[in-house]
């Protein structure tokens, strides 16, 4: 009887020591199926890009340069036109520039991702 009691006692001590060694250094390693901390909130920052666009700085125009008629006195009582009045037109092309602007491609958002529970000694 004492031999049987000794075998049962040593088996129980061995089982307890194995369970203690397997979970050594890992507290609350196993979470039952309704897990309350299995998801963690993740945040994705907003995404931006730079866009180059051509803008008109000044529109084109036409400038008229008028030249008045020129007169000279040839003889004392007579004034003669030397050059008639004229108009010269100058074309000014439109001016363009490239402007950079930043636009949002995707706004920032958050989502819940599953958390991988890792325990070195028990595997959960």
PDB file of N, CA and C in Angstrom:
ATOM      1  N   UNK A   1       0.812  -1.177   0.000  1.00  0.00           N
ATOM      2  CA  UNK A   1       0.000   0.000   0.000  1.00  0.00           C
ATOM      3  C   UNK A   1       0.867   1.256   0.000  1.00  0.00           C
ATOM      4  N   UNK A   2       1.922   1.242   0.792  1.00  0.00           N
ATOM      5  CA  UNK A   2       2.793   2.406   0.834  1.00  0.00           C
ATOM      6  C   UNK A   2       3.529   2.578  -0.482  1.00  0.00           C
ATOM      7  N   UNK A   3       3.770   1.449  -1.131  1.00  0.00           N
ATOM      8  CA  UNK A   3       4.426   1.536  -2.425  1.00  0.00           C
ATOM      9  C   UNK A   3       3.495   2.185  -3.451  1.00  0.00           C
ATOM     10  N   UNK A   4       2.243   1.852  -3.465  1.00  0.00           N
ATOM     11  CA  UNK A   4       1.257   2.424  -4.360  1.00  0.00           C
ATOM     12  C   UNK A   4       1.075   3.911  -4.049  1.00  0.00           C
ATOM     13  N   UNK A   5       1.037   4.250  -2.786  1.00  0.00           N
ATOM     14  CA  UNK A   5       0.903   5.637  -2.378  1.00  0.00           C
ATOM     15  C   UNK A   5       2.107   6.453  -2.818  1.00  0.00           C
ATOM     16  N   UNK A   6       3.286   5.874  -2.764  1.00  0.00           N
ATOM     17  CA  UNK A   6       4.503   6.561  -3.191  1.00  0.00           C
ATOM     18  C   UNK A   6       4.498   6.793  -4.697  1.00  0.00           C
ATOM     19  N   UNK A   7       4.026   5.822  -5.470  1.00  0.00           N
ATOM     20  CA  UNK A   7       3.974   5.950  -6.936  1.00  0.00           C
ATOM     21  C   UNK A   7       2.973   7.036  -7.322  1.00  0.00           C
ATOM     22  N   UNK A   8       1.812   7.054  -6.687  1.00  0.00           N
ATOM     23  CA  UNK A   8       0.791   8.058  -6.991  1.00  0.00           C
ATOM     24  C   UNK A   8       1.309   9.449  -6.620  1.00  0.00           C
ATOM     25  N   UNK A   9       1.959   9.540  -5.474  1.00  0.00           N
ATOM     26  CA  UNK A   9       2.488  10.829  -5.034  1.00  0.00           C
ATOM     27  C   UNK A   9       3.573  11.340  -5.990  1.00  0.00           C
ATOM     28  N   UNK A  10       4.484  10.465  -6.415  1.00  0.00           N
ATOM     29  CA  UNK A  10       5.556  10.890  -7.326  1.00  0.00           C
ATOM     30  C   UNK A  10       4.995  11.257  -8.700  1.00  0.00           C
ATOM     31  N   UNK A  11       3.954  10.552  -9.140  1.00  0.00           N
ATOM     32  CA  UNK A  11       3.320  10.895 -10.417  1.00  0.00           C
ATOM     33  C   UNK A  11       2.658  12.273 -10.329  1.00  0.00           C
ATOM     34  N   UNK A  12       2.009  12.555  -9.228  1.00  0.00           N
ATOM     35  CA  UNK A  12       1.365  13.850  -9.052  1.00  0.00           C
ATOM     36  C   UNK A  12       2.400  14.972  -9.000  1.00  0.00           C
ATOM     37  N   UNK A  13       3.510  14.749  -8.305  1.00  0.00           N
ATOM     38  CA  UNK A  13       4.567  15.761  -8.236  1.00  0.00           C
ATOM     39  C   UNK A  13       5.167  15.995  -9.614  1.00  0.00           C
ATOM     40  N   UNK A  14       5.367  14.943 -10.396  1.00  0.00           N
ATOM     41  CA  UNK A  14       5.914  15.086 -11.749  1.00  0.00           C
ATOM     42  C   UNK A  14       4.949  15.856 -12.652  1.00  0.00           C
ATOM     43  N   UNK A  15       3.655  15.580 -12.545  1.00  0.00           N
ATOM     44  CA  UNK A  15       2.667  16.280 -13.365  1.00  0.00           C
ATOM     45  C   UNK A  15       2.615  17.762 -13.021  1.00  0.00           C
ATOM     46  N   UNK A  16       2.681  18.090 -11.750  1.00  0.00           N
ATOM     47  CA  UNK A  16       2.648  19.492 -11.329  1.00  0.00           C
ATOM     48  C   UNK A  16       3.908  20.215 -11.781  1.00  0.00           C
ATOM     49  N   UNK A  17       5.047  19.545 -11.681  1.00  0.00           N
ATOM     50  CA  UNK A  17       6.296  20.196 -12.086  1.00  0.00           C
ATOM     51  C   UNK A  17       6.347  20.406 -13.594  1.00  0.00           C
ATOM     52  N   UNK A  18       5.787  19.499 -14.381  1.00  0.00           N
ATOM     53  CA  UNK A  18       5.754  19.682 -15.842  1.00  0.00           C
ATOM     54  C   UNK A  18       4.842  20.840 -16.218  1.00  0.00           C
ATOM     55  N   UNK A  19       3.704  20.950 -15.572  1.00  0.00           N
ATOM     56  CA  UNK A  19       2.782  22.043 -15.872  1.00  0.00           C
ATOM     57  C   UNK A  19       3.412  23.374 -15.495  1.00  0.00           C
ATOM     58  N   UNK A  20       4.097  23.411 -14.388  1.00  0.00           N
ATOM     59  CA  UNK A  20       4.765  24.636 -13.958  1.00  0.00           C
ATOM     60  C   UNK A  20       5.895  25.018 -14.885  1.00  0.00           C
ATOM     61  N   UNK A  21       6.632  24.070 -15.414  1.00  0.00           N
ATOM     62  CA  UNK A  21       7.740  24.364 -16.313  1.00  0.00           C
ATOM     63  C   UNK A  21       7.240  24.844 -17.665  1.00  0.00           C
ATOM     64  N   UNK A  22       6.109  24.300 -18.113  1.00  0.00           N
ATOM     65  CA  UNK A  22       5.589  24.686 -19.424  1.00  0.00           C
ATOM     66  C   UNK A  22       5.083  26.128 -19.424  1.00  0.00           C
ATOM     67  N   UNK A  23       4.567  26.573 -18.299  1.00  0.00           N
ATOM     68  CA  UNK A  23       4.032  27.937 -18.273  1.00  0.00           C
ATOM     69  C   UNK A  23       4.937  28.893 -17.506  1.00  0.00           C
ATOM     70  N   UNK A  24       6.186  28.522 -17.292  1.00  0.00           N
ATOM     71  CA  UNK A  24       7.090  29.389 -16.547  1.00  0.00           C
ATOM     72  C   UNK A  24       7.364  30.655 -17.334  1.00  0.00           C
ATOM     73  N   UNK A  25       7.162  31.805 -16.740  1.00  0.00           N
ATOM     74  CA  UNK A  25       7.428  33.088 -17.382  1.00  0.00           C
ATOM     75  C   UNK A  25       6.342  33.545 -18.321  1.00  0.00           C
ATOM     76  N   UNK A  26       5.231  32.854 -18.387  1.00  0.00           N
ATOM     77  CA  UNK A  26       4.131  33.251 -19.268  1.00  0.00           C
ATOM     78  C   UNK A  26       2.867  33.315 -18.437  1.00  0.00           C
ATOM     79  N   UNK A  27       2.430  34.505 -18.145  1.00  0.00           N
ATOM     80  CA  UNK A  27       1.247  34.680 -17.315  1.00  0.00           C
ATOM     81  C   UNK A  27       0.065  35.042 -18.192  1.00  0.00           C
ATOM     82  N   UNK A  28      -1.056  34.468 -17.905  1.00  0.00           N
ATOM     83  CA  UNK A  28      -2.287  34.696 -18.682  1.00  0.00           C
ATOM     84  C   UNK A  28      -2.050  34.429 -20.162  1.00  0.00           C
ATOM     85  N   UNK A  29      -1.408  33.307 -20.443  1.00  0.00           N
ATOM     86  CA  UNK A  29      -1.024  32.992 -21.815  1.00  0.00           C
ATOM     87  C   UNK A  29      -2.215  32.529 -22.633  1.00  0.00           C
ATOM     88  N   UNK A  30      -3.069  31.736 -22.074  1.00  0.00           N
ATOM     89  CA  UNK A  30      -4.198  31.200 -22.823  1.00  0.00           C
ATOM     90  C   UNK A  30      -5.426  32.028 -22.541  1.00  0.00           C
ATOM     91  N   UNK A  31      -6.077  32.495 -23.593  1.00  0.00           N
ATOM     92  CA  UNK A  31      -7.317  33.247 -23.453  1.00  0.00           C
ATOM     93  C   UNK A  31      -8.447  32.372 -23.960  1.00  0.00           C
ATOM     94  N   UNK A  32      -9.510  32.226 -23.199  1.00  0.00           N
ATOM     95  CA  UNK A  32     -10.626  31.386 -23.661  1.00  0.00           C
ATOM     96  C   UNK A  32     -11.254  31.940 -24.938  1.00  0.00           C
ATOM     97  N   UNK A  33     -12.039  31.151 -25.674  1.00  0.00           N
ATOM     98  CA  UNK A  33     -12.578  31.538 -26.977  1.00  0.00           C
ATOM     99  C   UNK A  33     -13.237  32.912 -27.063  1.00  0.00           C
ATOM    100  N   UNK A  34     -14.079  33.358 -26.139  1.00  0.00           N
ATOM    101  CA  UNK A  34     -14.564  34.737 -26.312  1.00  0.00           C
ATOM    102  C   UNK A  34     -13.473  35.728 -25.899  1.00  0.00           C
ATOM    103  N   UNK A  35     -12.563  35.997 -26.804  1.00  0.00           N
ATOM    104  CA  UNK A  35     -11.390  36.825 -26.515  1.00  0.00           C
ATOM    105  C   UNK A  35     -11.780  38.295 -26.586  1.00  0.00           C
ATOM    106  N   UNK A  36     -11.463  39.046 -25.548  1.00  0.00           N
ATOM    107  CA  UNK A  36     -11.812  40.470 -25.544  1.00  0.00           C
ATOM    108  C   UNK A  36     -10.678  41.338 -26.068  1.00  0.00           C
ATOM    109  N   UNK A  37      -9.473  40.835 -26.128  1.00  0.00           N
ATOM    110  CA  UNK A  37      -8.334  41.641 -26.575  1.00  0.00           C
ATOM    111  C   UNK A  37      -7.673  41.044 -27.807  1.00  0.00           C
ATOM    112  N   UNK A  38      -8.450  40.426 -28.676  1.00  0.00           N
ATOM    113  CA  UNK A  38      -7.882  39.798 -29.868  1.00  0.00           C
ATOM    114  C   UNK A  38      -7.689  40.776 -31.024  1.00  0.00           C
ATOM    115  N   UNK A  39      -8.207  42.005 -30.922  1.00  0.00           N
ATOM    116  CA  UNK A  39      -8.087  42.986 -31.996  1.00  0.00           C
ATOM    117  C   UNK A  39      -7.442  44.253 -31.463  1.00  0.00           C
ATOM    118  N   UNK A  40      -6.634  44.869 -32.297  1.00  0.00           N
ATOM    119  CA  UNK A  40      -5.959  46.101 -31.919  1.00  0.00           C
ATOM    120  C   UNK A  40      -6.220  47.134 -33.006  1.00  0.00           C
ATOM    121  N   UNK A  41      -6.438  48.386 -32.600  1.00  0.00           N
ATOM    122  CA  UNK A  41      -6.731  49.432 -33.566  1.00  0.00           C
ATOM    123  C   UNK A  41      -5.442  49.863 -34.271  1.00  0.00           C
ATOM    124  N   UNK A  42      -5.478  49.892 -35.592  1.00  0.00           N
ATOM    125  CA  UNK A  42      -4.358  50.310 -36.433  1.00  0.00           C
ATOM    126  C   UNK A  42      -4.750  51.613 -37.119  1.00  0.00           C
ATOM    127  N   UNK A  43      -3.787  52.523 -37.331  1.00  0.00           N
ATOM    128  CA  UNK A  43      -4.057  53.804 -37.978  1.00  0.00           C
ATOM    129  C   UNK A  43      -3.203  53.934 -39.227  1.00  0.00           C
ATOM    130  N   UNK A  44      -3.841  54.296 -40.330  1.00  0.00           N
ATOM    131  CA  UNK A  44      -3.155  54.551 -41.596  1.00  0.00           C
ATOM    132  C   UNK A  44      -3.204  56.058 -41.827  1.00  0.00           C
ATOM    133  N   UNK A  45      -2.046  56.738 -41.925  1.00  0.00           N
ATOM    134  CA  UNK A  45      -2.060  58.194 -42.110  1.00  0.00           C
ATOM    135  C   UNK A  45      -2.565  58.568 -43.499  1.00  0.00           C
ATOM    136  N   UNK A  46      -3.008  59.818 -43.680  1.00  0.00           N
ATOM    137  CA  UNK A  46      -3.473  60.237 -45.004  1.00  0.00           C
ATOM    138  C   UNK A  46      -2.340  60.229 -46.028  1.00  0.00           C
ATOM    139  N   UNK A  47      -2.688  59.970 -47.273  1.00  0.00           N
ATOM    140  CA  UNK A  47      -1.715  59.921 -48.366  1.00  0.00           C
ATOM    141  C   UNK A  47      -1.886  61.172 -49.233  1.00  0.00           C
ATOM    142  N   UNK A  48      -0.778  61.811 -49.572  1.00  0.00           N
ATOM    143  CA  UNK A  48      -0.791  63.026 -50.392  1.00  0.00           C
ATOM    144  C   UNK A  48       0.090  62.837 -51.624  1.00  0.00           C
ATOM    145  N   UNK A  49      -0.161  63.653 -52.654  1.00  0.00           N
ATOM    146  CA  UNK A  49       0.713  63.679 -53.825  1.00  0.00           C
ATOM    147  C   UNK A  49       0.814  65.116 -54.322  1.00  0.00           C
ATOM    148  N   UNK A  50       1.901  65.418 -55.026  1.00  0.00           N
ATOM    149  CA  UNK A  50       2.128  66.747 -55.576  1.00  0.00           C
ATOM    150  C   UNK A  50       1.722  66.735 -57.043  1.00  0.00           C
ATOM    151  N   UNK A  51       0.915  67.721 -57.424  1.00  0.00           N
ATOM    152  CA  UNK A  51       0.423  67.819 -58.796  1.00  0.00           C
ATOM    153  C   UNK A  51       0.972  69.097 -59.407  1.00  0.00           C
ATOM    154  N   UNK A  52       1.571  68.989 -60.604  1.00  0.00           N
ATOM    155  CA  UNK A  52       2.035  70.157 -61.360  1.00  0.00           C
ATOM    156  C   UNK A  52       0.935  70.547 -62.339  1.00  0.00           C
ATOM    157  N   UNK A  53       0.571  71.827 -62.338  1.00  0.00           N
ATOM    158  CA  UNK A  53      -0.433  72.284 -63.292  1.00  0.00           C
ATOM    159  C   UNK A  53       0.021  73.598 -63.913  1.00  0.00           C
ATOM    160  N   UNK A  54      -0.348  73.791 -65.174  1.00  0.00           N
ATOM    161  CA  UNK A  54       0.022  75.000 -65.901  1.00  0.00           C
ATOM    162  C   UNK A  54      -1.095  76.021 -65.744  1.00  0.00           C
ATOM    163  N   UNK A  55      -0.721  77.210 -65.312  1.00  0.00           N
ATOM    164  CA  UNK A  55      -1.701  78.282 -65.123  1.00  0.00           C
ATOM    165  C   UNK A  55      -1.282  79.500 -65.939  1.00  0.00           C
ATOM    166  N   UNK A  56      -2.276  80.300 -66.361  1.00  0.00           N
ATOM    167  CA  UNK A  56      -1.998  81.511 -67.126  1.00  0.00           C
ATOM    168  C   UNK A  56      -1.734  82.656 -66.156  1.00  0.00           C
ATOM    169  N   UNK A  57      -0.565  83.277 -66.289  1.00  0.00           N
ATOM    170  CA  UNK A  57      -0.200  84.395 -65.424  1.00  0.00           C
ATOM    171  C   UNK A  57      -0.806  85.687 -65.974  1.00  0.00           C
ATOM    172  N   UNK A  58      -0.669  85.897 -67.277  1.00  0.00           N
ATOM    173  CA  UNK A  58      -1.290  87.071 -67.906  1.00  0.00           C
ATOM    174  C   UNK A  58      -1.763  86.670 -69.302  1.00  0.00           C
ATOM    175  N   UNK A  59      -2.939  87.151 -69.704  1.00  0.00           N
ATOM    176  CA  UNK A  59      -3.437  86.791 -71.034  1.00  0.00           C
ATOM    177  C   UNK A  59      -2.679  87.558 -72.120  1.00  0.00           C
ATOM    178  N   UNK A  60      -2.749  87.040 -73.317  1.00  0.00           N
ATOM    179  CA  UNK A  60      -2.121  87.733 -74.444  1.00  0.00           C
ATOM    180  C   UNK A  60      -2.868  89.024 -74.746  1.00  0.00           C
ATOM    181  N   UNK A  61      -2.191  89.936 -75.391  1.00  0.00           N
ATOM    182  CA  UNK A  61      -2.840  91.210 -75.723  1.00  0.00           C
ATOM    183  C   UNK A  61      -2.210  91.803 -76.970  1.00  0.00           C
ATOM    184  N   UNK A  62      -2.856  92.843 -77.491  1.00  0.00           N
ATOM    185  CA  UNK A  62      -2.359  93.580 -78.645  1.00  0.00           C
ATOM    186  C   UNK A  62      -2.255  95.040 -78.219  1.00  0.00           C
ATOM    187  N   UNK A  63      -1.076  95.623 -78.448  1.00  0.00           N
ATOM    188  CA  UNK A  63      -0.846  97.025 -78.096  1.00  0.00           C
ATOM    189  C   UNK A  63      -0.692  97.805 -79.401  1.00  0.00           C
ATOM    190  N   UNK A  64      -1.460  98.901 -79.527  1.00  0.00           N
ATOM    191  CA  UNK A  64      -1.391  99.748 -80.715  1.00  0.00           C
ATOM    192  C   UNK A  64      -0.487 100.937 -80.409  1.00  0.00           C
ATOM    193  N   UNK A  65       0.531 101.125 -81.248  1.00  0.00           N
ATOM    194  CA  UNK A  65       1.438 102.272 -81.126  1.00  0.00           C
ATOM    195  C   UNK A  65       1.094 103.244 -82.268  1.00  0.00           C
ATOM    196  N   UNK A  66       0.562 104.387 -81.893  1.00  0.00           N
ATOM    197  CA  UNK A  66       0.160 105.384 -82.900  1.00  0.00           C
ATOM    198  C   UNK A  66       1.285 106.409 -83.071  1.00  0.00           C
ATOM    199  N   UNK A  67       1.553 106.700 -84.322  1.00  0.00           N
ATOM    200  CA  UNK A  67       2.542 107.723 -84.662  1.00  0.00           C
ATOM    201  C   UNK A  67       1.803 108.866 -85.354  1.00  0.00           C
ATOM    202  N   UNK A  68       1.876 110.070 -84.797  1.00  0.00           N
ATOM    203  CA  UNK A  68       1.169 111.189 -85.458  1.00  0.00           C
ATOM    204  C   UNK A  68       1.874 111.592 -86.751  1.00  0.00           C
ATOM    205  N   UNK A  69       1.152 112.325 -87.555  1.00  0.00           N
ATOM    206  CA  UNK A  69       1.733 112.825 -88.817  1.00  0.00           C
ATOM    207  C   UNK A  69       2.820 113.846 -88.501  1.00  0.00           C
ATOM    208  N   UNK A  70       3.815 113.895 -89.395  1.00  0.00           N
ATOM    209  CA  UNK A  70       4.914 114.859 -89.211  1.00  0.00           C
ATOM    210  C   UNK A  70       4.818 115.931 -90.310  1.00  0.00           C
ATOM    211  N   UNK A  71       4.951 117.191 -89.897  1.00  0.00           N
ATOM    212  CA  UNK A  71       4.850 118.318 -90.819  1.00  0.00           C
ATOM    213  C   UNK A  71       6.137 119.126 -90.756  1.00  0.00           C
ATOM    214  N   UNK A  72       6.467 119.756 -91.895  1.00  0.00           N
ATOM    215  CA  UNK A  72       7.608 120.692 -91.970  1.00  0.00           C
ATOM    216  C   UNK A  72       7.196 121.889 -92.816  1.00  0.00           C
ATOM    217  N   UNK A  73       7.771 122.963 -92.418  1.00  0.00           N
ATOM    218  CA  UNK A  73       7.518 124.156 -93.215  1.00  0.00           C
ATOM    219  C   UNK A  73       8.582 124.231 -94.300  1.00  0.00           C
ATOM    220  N   UNK A  74       8.119 124.205 -95.545  1.00  0.00           N
ATOM    221  CA  UNK A  74       9.044 124.208 -96.674  1.00  0.00           C
ATOM    222  C   UNK A  74       9.377 125.661 -97.044  1.00  0.00           C
ATOM    223  N   UNK A  75       8.399 126.412 -97.231  1.00  0.00           N
ATOM    224  CA  UNK A  75       8.590 127.823 -97.512  1.00  0.00           C
ATOM    225  C   UNK A  75       7.833 128.579 -96.440  1.00  0.00           C
ATOM    226  N   UNK A  76       8.033 129.800 -96.381  1.00  0.00           N
ATOM    227  CA  UNK A  76       7.456 130.602 -95.299  1.00  0.00           C
ATOM    228  C   UNK A  76       5.935 130.446 -95.233  1.00  0.00           C
ATOM    229  N   UNK A  77       5.167 130.585 -96.288  1.00  0.00           N
ATOM    230  CA  UNK A  77       3.728 130.459 -96.127  1.00  0.00           C
ATOM    231  C   UNK A  77       3.198 129.023 -96.269  1.00  0.00           C
ATOM    232  N   UNK A  78       4.039 127.998 -96.516  1.00  0.00           N
ATOM    233  CA  UNK A  78       3.522 126.663 -96.837  1.00  0.00           C
ATOM    234  C   UNK A  78       4.051 125.601 -95.868  1.00  0.00           C
ATOM    235  N   UNK A  79       3.111 124.741 -95.275  1.00  0.00           N
ATOM    236  CA  UNK A  79       3.470 123.610 -94.406  1.00  0.00           C
ATOM    237  C   UNK A  79       3.089 122.349 -95.137  1.00  0.00           C
ATOM    238  N   UNK A  80       4.027 121.424 -95.206  1.00  0.00           N
ATOM    239  CA  UNK A  80       3.819 120.184 -95.962  1.00  0.00           C
ATOM    240  C   UNK A  80       3.924 118.993 -94.996  1.00  0.00           C
ATOM    241  N   UNK A  81       3.073 117.965 -95.244  1.00  0.00           N
ATOM    242  CA  UNK A  81       3.140 116.725 -94.465  1.00  0.00           C
ATOM    243  C   UNK A  81       4.303 115.894 -94.962  1.00  0.00           C
ATOM    244  N   UNK A  82       5.210 115.559 -94.068  1.00  0.00           N
ATOM    245  CA  UNK A  82       6.376 114.771 -94.446  1.00  0.00           C
ATOM    246  C   UNK A  82       6.080 113.277 -94.295  1.00  0.00           C
ATOM    247  N   UNK A  83       5.365 112.865 -93.207  1.00  0.00           N
ATOM    248  CA  UNK A  83       5.020 111.449 -92.994  1.00  0.00           C
ATOM    249  C   UNK A  83       3.573 111.392 -92.511  1.00  0.00           C
ATOM    250  N   UNK A  84       2.787 110.487 -93.097  1.00  0.00           N
ATOM    251  CA  UNK A  84       1.383 110.385 -92.681  1.00  0.00           C
ATOM    252  C   UNK A  84       1.277 109.714 -91.290  1.00  0.00           C
ATOM    253  N   UNK A  85       0.146 109.875 -90.629  1.00  0.00           N
ATOM    254  CA  UNK A  85      -0.026 109.173 -89.347  1.00  0.00           C
ATOM    255  C   UNK A  85      -0.050 107.662 -89.581  1.00  0.00           C
ATOM    256  N   UNK A  86       0.430 106.899 -88.614  1.00  0.00           N
ATOM    257  CA  UNK A  86       0.446 105.439 -88.779  1.00  0.00           C
ATOM    258  C   UNK A  86       0.150 104.758 -87.440  1.00  0.00           C
ATOM    259  N   UNK A  87      -0.188 103.493 -87.551  1.00  0.00           N
ATOM    260  CA  UNK A  87      -0.447 102.659 -86.366  1.00  0.00           C
ATOM    261  C   UNK A  87       0.330 101.357 -86.536  1.00  0.00           C
ATOM    262  N   UNK A  88       1.075 100.982 -85.509  1.00  0.00           N
ATOM    263  CA  UNK A  88       1.786  99.705 -85.519  1.00  0.00           C
ATOM    264  C   UNK A  88       1.251  98.871 -84.365  1.00  0.00           C
ATOM    265  N   UNK A  89       0.983  97.615 -84.633  1.00  0.00           N
ATOM    266  CA  UNK A  89       0.419  96.715 -83.620  1.00  0.00           C
ATOM    267  C   UNK A  89       1.498  95.760 -83.116  1.00  0.00           C
ATOM    268  N   UNK A  90       1.545  95.621 -81.817  1.00  0.00           N
ATOM    269  CA  UNK A  90       2.515  94.715 -81.194  1.00  0.00           C
ATOM    270  C   UNK A  90       1.725  93.599 -80.502  1.00  0.00           C
ATOM    271  N   UNK A  91       2.005  92.361 -80.877  1.00  0.00           N
ATOM    272  CA  UNK A  91       1.354  91.194 -80.271  1.00  0.00           C
ATOM    273  C   UNK A  91       2.149  90.773 -79.028  1.00  0.00           C
ATOM    274  N   UNK A  92       1.484  90.674 -77.885  1.00  0.00           N
ATOM    275  CA  UNK A  92       2.121  90.182 -76.656  1.00  0.00           C
ATOM    276  C   UNK A  92       1.499  88.819 -76.356  1.00  0.00           C
ATOM    277  N   UNK A  93       2.307  87.766 -76.380  1.00  0.00           N
ATOM    278  CA  UNK A  93       1.754  86.427 -76.146  1.00  0.00           C
ATOM    279  C   UNK A  93       1.357  86.241 -74.674  1.00  0.00           C
ATOM    280  N   UNK A  94       0.477  85.282 -74.418  1.00  0.00           N
ATOM    281  CA  UNK A  94       0.114  85.012 -73.023  1.00  0.00           C
ATOM    282  C   UNK A  94       1.298  84.421 -72.248  1.00  0.00           C
ATOM    283  N   UNK A  95       1.342  84.683 -70.957  1.00  0.00           N
ATOM    284  CA  UNK A  95       2.414  84.177 -70.100  1.00  0.00           C
ATOM    285  C   UNK A  95       1.862  83.046 -69.245  1.00  0.00           C
ATOM    286  N   UNK A  96       2.593  81.931 -69.204  1.00  0.00           N
ATOM    287  CA  UNK A  96       2.184  80.758 -68.432  1.00  0.00           C
ATOM    288  C   UNK A  96       3.244  80.431 -67.392  1.00  0.00           C
ATOM    289  N   UNK A  97       2.826  79.765 -66.330  1.00  0.00           N
ATOM    290  CA  UNK A  97       3.747  79.306 -65.288  1.00  0.00           C
ATOM    291  C   UNK A  97       3.256  77.947 -64.796  1.00  0.00           C
ATOM    292  N   UNK A  98       4.167  77.193 -64.230  1.00  0.00           N
ATOM    293  CA  UNK A  98       3.815  75.894 -63.652  1.00  0.00           C
ATOM    294  C   UNK A  98       3.718  76.059 -62.145  1.00  0.00           C
ATOM    295  N   UNK A  99       2.589  75.630 -61.610  1.00  0.00           N
ATOM    296  CA  UNK A  99       2.352  75.750 -60.173  1.00  0.00           C
ATOM    297  C   UNK A  99       2.192  74.352 -59.591  1.00  0.00           C
ATOM    298  N   UNK A 100       2.784  74.139 -58.427  1.00  0.00           N
ATOM    299  CA  UNK A 100       2.632  72.853 -57.755  1.00  0.00           C
ATOM    300  C   UNK A 100       1.616  73.005 -56.637  1.00  0.00           C
ATOM    301  N   UNK A 101       0.791  71.994 -56.510  1.00  0.00           N
ATOM    302  CA  UNK A 101      -0.144  71.964 -55.394  1.00  0.00           C
ATOM    303  C   UNK A 101      -0.205  70.546 -54.855  1.00  0.00           C
ATOM    304  N   UNK A 102      -0.535  70.444 -53.592  1.00  0.00           N
ATOM    305  CA  UNK A 102      -0.605  69.147 -52.922  1.00  0.00           C
ATOM    306  C   UNK A 102      -2.075  68.787 -52.766  1.00  0.00           C
ATOM    307  N   UNK A 103      -2.401  67.563 -53.184  1.00  0.00           N
ATOM    308  CA  UNK A 103      -3.772  67.109 -53.021  1.00  0.00           C
ATOM    309  C   UNK A 103      -3.793  65.787 -52.270  1.00  0.00           C
ATOM    310  N   UNK A 104      -4.877  65.551 -51.563  1.00  0.00           N
ATOM    311  CA  UNK A 104      -5.013  64.334 -50.767  1.00  0.00           C
ATOM    312  C   UNK A 104      -5.500  63.200 -51.657  1.00  0.00           C
ATOM    313  N   UNK A 105      -4.782  62.101 -51.637  1.00  0.00           N
ATOM    314  CA  UNK A 105      -5.163  60.930 -52.415  1.00  0.00           C
ATOM    315  C   UNK A 105      -6.110  60.063 -51.598  1.00  0.00           C
ATOM    316  N   UNK A 106      -5.774  59.861 -50.326  1.00  0.00           N
ATOM    317  CA  UNK A 106      -6.567  59.012 -49.455  1.00  0.00           C
ATOM    318  C   UNK A 106      -6.567  59.623 -48.052  1.00  0.00           C
ATOM    319  N   UNK A 107      -7.738  59.772 -47.445  1.00  0.00           N
ATOM    320  CA  UNK A 107      -7.747  60.311 -46.086  1.00  0.00           C
ATOM    321  C   UNK A 107      -7.248  59.273 -45.086  1.00  0.00           C
ATOM    322  N   UNK A 108      -6.828  59.720 -43.945  1.00  0.00           N
ATOM    323  CA  UNK A 108      -6.386  58.794 -42.908  1.00  0.00           C
ATOM    324  C   UNK A 108      -7.571  58.017 -42.365  1.00  0.00           C
ATOM    325  N   UNK A 109      -7.334  56.785 -41.976  1.00  0.00           N
ATOM    326  CA  UNK A 109      -8.405  55.961 -41.429  1.00  0.00           C
ATOM    327  C   UNK A 109      -7.826  54.972 -40.433  1.00  0.00           C
ATOM    328  N   UNK A 110      -8.698  54.404 -39.634  1.00  0.00           N
ATOM    329  CA  UNK A 110      -8.269  53.399 -38.679  1.00  0.00           C
ATOM    330  C   UNK A 110      -9.120  52.152 -38.867  1.00  0.00           C
ATOM    331  N   UNK A 111      -8.547  51.026 -38.518  1.00  0.00           N
ATOM    332  CA  UNK A 111      -9.245  49.752 -38.636  1.00  0.00           C
ATOM    333  C   UNK A 111      -8.752  48.839 -37.515  1.00  0.00           C
ATOM    334  N   UNK A 112      -9.471  47.776 -37.309  1.00  0.00           N
ATOM    335  CA  UNK A 112      -9.098  46.813 -36.279  1.00  0.00           C
ATOM    336  C   UNK A 112      -8.485  45.592 -36.945  1.00  0.00           C
ATOM    337  N   UNK A 113      -7.305  45.228 -36.477  1.00  0.00           N
ATOM    338  CA  UNK A 113      -6.593  44.074 -37.027  1.00  0.00           C
ATOM    339  C   UNK A 113      -6.450  43.024 -35.934  1.00  0.00           C
ATOM    340  N   UNK A 114      -6.514  41.742 -36.290  1.00  0.00           N
ATOM    341  CA  UNK A 114      -6.338  40.705 -35.274  1.00  0.00           C
ATOM    342  C   UNK A 114      -4.915  40.739 -34.705  1.00  0.00           C
ATOM    343  N   UNK A 115      -4.828  40.500 -33.426  1.00  0.00           N
ATOM    344  CA  UNK A 115      -3.547  40.510 -32.729  1.00  0.00           C
ATOM    345  C   UNK A 115      -3.066  39.079 -32.591  1.00  0.00           C
ATOM    346  N   UNK A 116      -1.834  38.845 -32.957  1.00  0.00           N
ATOM    347  CA  UNK A 116      -1.232  37.524 -32.824  1.00  0.00           C
ATOM    348  C   UNK A 116      -0.685  37.420 -31.410  1.00  0.00           C
ATOM    349  N   UNK A 117      -1.296  36.567 -30.613  1.00  0.00           N
ATOM    350  CA  UNK A 117      -0.813  36.393 -29.256  1.00  0.00           C
ATOM    351  C   UNK A 117       0.375  35.429 -29.275  1.00  0.00           C
ATOM    352  N   UNK A 118       1.471  35.858 -28.755  1.00  0.00           N
ATOM    353  CA  UNK A 118       2.666  35.029 -28.765  1.00  0.00           C
ATOM    354  C   UNK A 118       3.132  34.807 -27.330  1.00  0.00           C
ATOM    355  N   UNK A 119       3.419  33.567 -27.049  1.00  0.00           N
ATOM    356  CA  UNK A 119       3.985  33.210 -25.755  1.00  0.00           C
ATOM    357  C   UNK A 119       5.120  32.228 -26.031  1.00  0.00           C
ATOM    358  N   UNK A 120       6.286  32.556 -25.582  1.00  0.00           N
ATOM    359  CA  UNK A 120       7.461  31.751 -25.908  1.00  0.00           C
ATOM    360  C   UNK A 120       7.397  30.348 -25.313  1.00  0.00           C
ATOM    361  N   UNK A 121       6.816  30.206 -24.124  1.00  0.00           N
ATOM    362  CA  UNK A 121       6.886  28.920 -23.479  1.00  0.00           C
ATOM    363  C   UNK A 121       5.681  28.034 -23.724  1.00  0.00           C
ATOM    364  N   UNK A 122       4.476  28.628 -23.902  1.00  0.00           N
ATOM    365  CA  UNK A 122       3.310  27.753 -24.056  1.00  0.00           C
ATOM    366  C   UNK A 122       2.777  27.739 -25.483  1.00  0.00           C
ATOM    367  N   UNK A 123       3.222  28.640 -26.357  1.00  0.00           N
ATOM    368  CA  UNK A 123       2.841  28.573 -27.771  1.00  0.00           C
ATOM    369  C   UNK A 123       1.586  29.318 -28.122  1.00  0.00           C
ATOM    370  N   UNK A 124       0.925  29.974 -27.202  1.00  0.00           N
ATOM    371  CA  UNK A 124      -0.292  30.715 -27.520  1.00  0.00           C
ATOM    372  C   UNK A 124      -0.002  32.173 -27.678  1.00  0.00           C
TER     373      UNK A 124
END
